[in-house]
Amino acid sequence: MNVTAYEVVLEVDGMRSSIKVDNTYPAVCDWQSATLFAMMLARHSYPEAVSIDLLTVSEFESDEYKEYAYIHNGPLAVH
């Protein structure tokens, strides 16, 4: 299975932050959902932040899981 990874670079109150996610996350299936996930993660991590700005999004094939023959997507849990 090819695992597509995304690097989302944000600026949180003037501080650059790079968040890497891949499509094994239940909420990530394309660059738009990866961006939304990263923005929500930044908002959760920095609740007092005044501004969270999107700088760039990069999409690439992840090498992290190359040694595994099959990777199953993570389960979606609703709490």
Protein backbone atom coordinates (compact mmCIF):
# COMPACT_ATOMS: atom_id res chain seq x y z
CA MET A 1 0.00 0.00 0.00
CA ASN A 2 1.31 3.43 -0.89
CA VAL A 3 1.10 5.81 2.02
CA THR A 4 0.69 9.44 1.03
CA ALA A 5 2.16 11.90 3.51
CA TYR A 6 1.62 15.63 3.85
CA GLU A 7 3.73 18.33 5.42
CA VAL A 8 1.62 21.28 6.45
CA VAL A 9 3.56 24.40 7.40
CA LEU A 10 1.65 26.86 9.57
CA GLU A 11 2.49 30.13 11.25
CA VAL A 12 1.06 30.32 14.75
CA ASP A 13 1.29 33.87 16.10
CA GLY A 14 4.39 34.49 13.99
CA MET A 15 6.09 31.16 14.83
CA ARG A 16 6.55 28.64 12.00
CA SER A 17 5.37 25.11 12.71
CA SER A 18 5.65 22.04 10.49
CA ILE A 19 3.12 19.24 11.00
CA LYS A 20 3.52 15.93 9.17
CA VAL A 21 0.54 13.62 8.75
CA ASP A 22 -0.28 10.75 6.41
CA ASN A 23 -3.32 8.96 5.08
CA THR A 24 -3.14 6.27 7.77
CA TYR A 25 -4.81 8.86 10.03
CA PRO A 26 -8.59 8.25 9.84
CA ALA A 27 -9.30 11.94 9.23
CA VAL A 28 -6.75 12.37 6.40
CA CYS A 29 -7.53 11.34 2.83
CA ASP A 30 -6.18 14.24 0.72
CA TRP A 31 -4.29 17.53 1.03
CA GLN A 32 -7.42 19.42 2.10
CA SER A 33 -8.24 17.07 4.97
CA ALA A 34 -4.53 17.02 5.99
CA THR A 35 -4.59 20.82 6.13
CA LEU A 36 -7.81 20.90 8.14
CA PHE A 37 -6.42 18.26 10.55
CA ALA A 38 -3.20 20.26 11.03
CA MET A 39 -5.12 23.51 11.61
CA MET A 40 -7.35 21.84 14.20
CA LEU A 41 -4.30 20.27 15.87
CA ALA A 42 -2.61 23.68 16.05
CA ARG A 43 -5.78 25.27 17.49
CA HIS A 44 -5.94 22.51 20.11
CA SER A 45 -2.22 22.82 20.96
CA TYR A 46 -2.30 26.64 21.12
CA PRO A 47 -5.80 27.61 22.32
CA GLU A 48 -4.68 31.16 23.13
CA ALA A 49 -3.28 31.78 19.62
CA VAL A 50 -4.59 34.90 17.92
CA SER A 51 -3.71 33.85 14.36
CA ILE A 52 -2.98 30.54 12.63
CA ASP A 53 -1.96 31.01 9.01
CA LEU A 54 -1.36 28.37 6.34
CA LEU A 55 2.00 28.79 4.59
CA THR A 56 2.48 25.64 2.48
CA VAL A 57 1.25 22.09 1.98
CA SER A 58 3.50 19.42 0.46
CA GLU A 59 2.33 15.98 -0.66
CA PHE A 60 4.74 13.06 -1.06
CA GLU A 61 4.94 9.27 -0.86
CA SER A 62 6.04 8.26 2.63
CA ASP A 63 9.10 6.02 3.03
CA GLU A 64 8.22 5.30 6.65
CA TYR A 65 6.10 2.22 5.89
CA LYS A 66 8.03 0.82 2.86
CA GLU A 67 9.16 -2.32 4.71
CA TYR A 68 5.58 -3.41 5.42
CA ALA A 69 3.63 -5.33 2.79
CA TYR A 70 0.26 -3.93 3.88
CA ILE A 71 -0.81 -1.02 6.05
CA HIS A 72 -4.44 -0.85 7.14
CA ASN A 73 -6.01 2.55 7.71
CA GLY A 74 -6.56 3.39 11.36
CA PRO A 75 -10.03 2.86 12.81
CA LEU A 76 -12.32 5.83 13.16
CA ALA A 77 -13.47 6.27 16.75
CA VAL A 78 -16.22 8.62 17.74
CA HIS A 79 -16.37 9.66 21.40
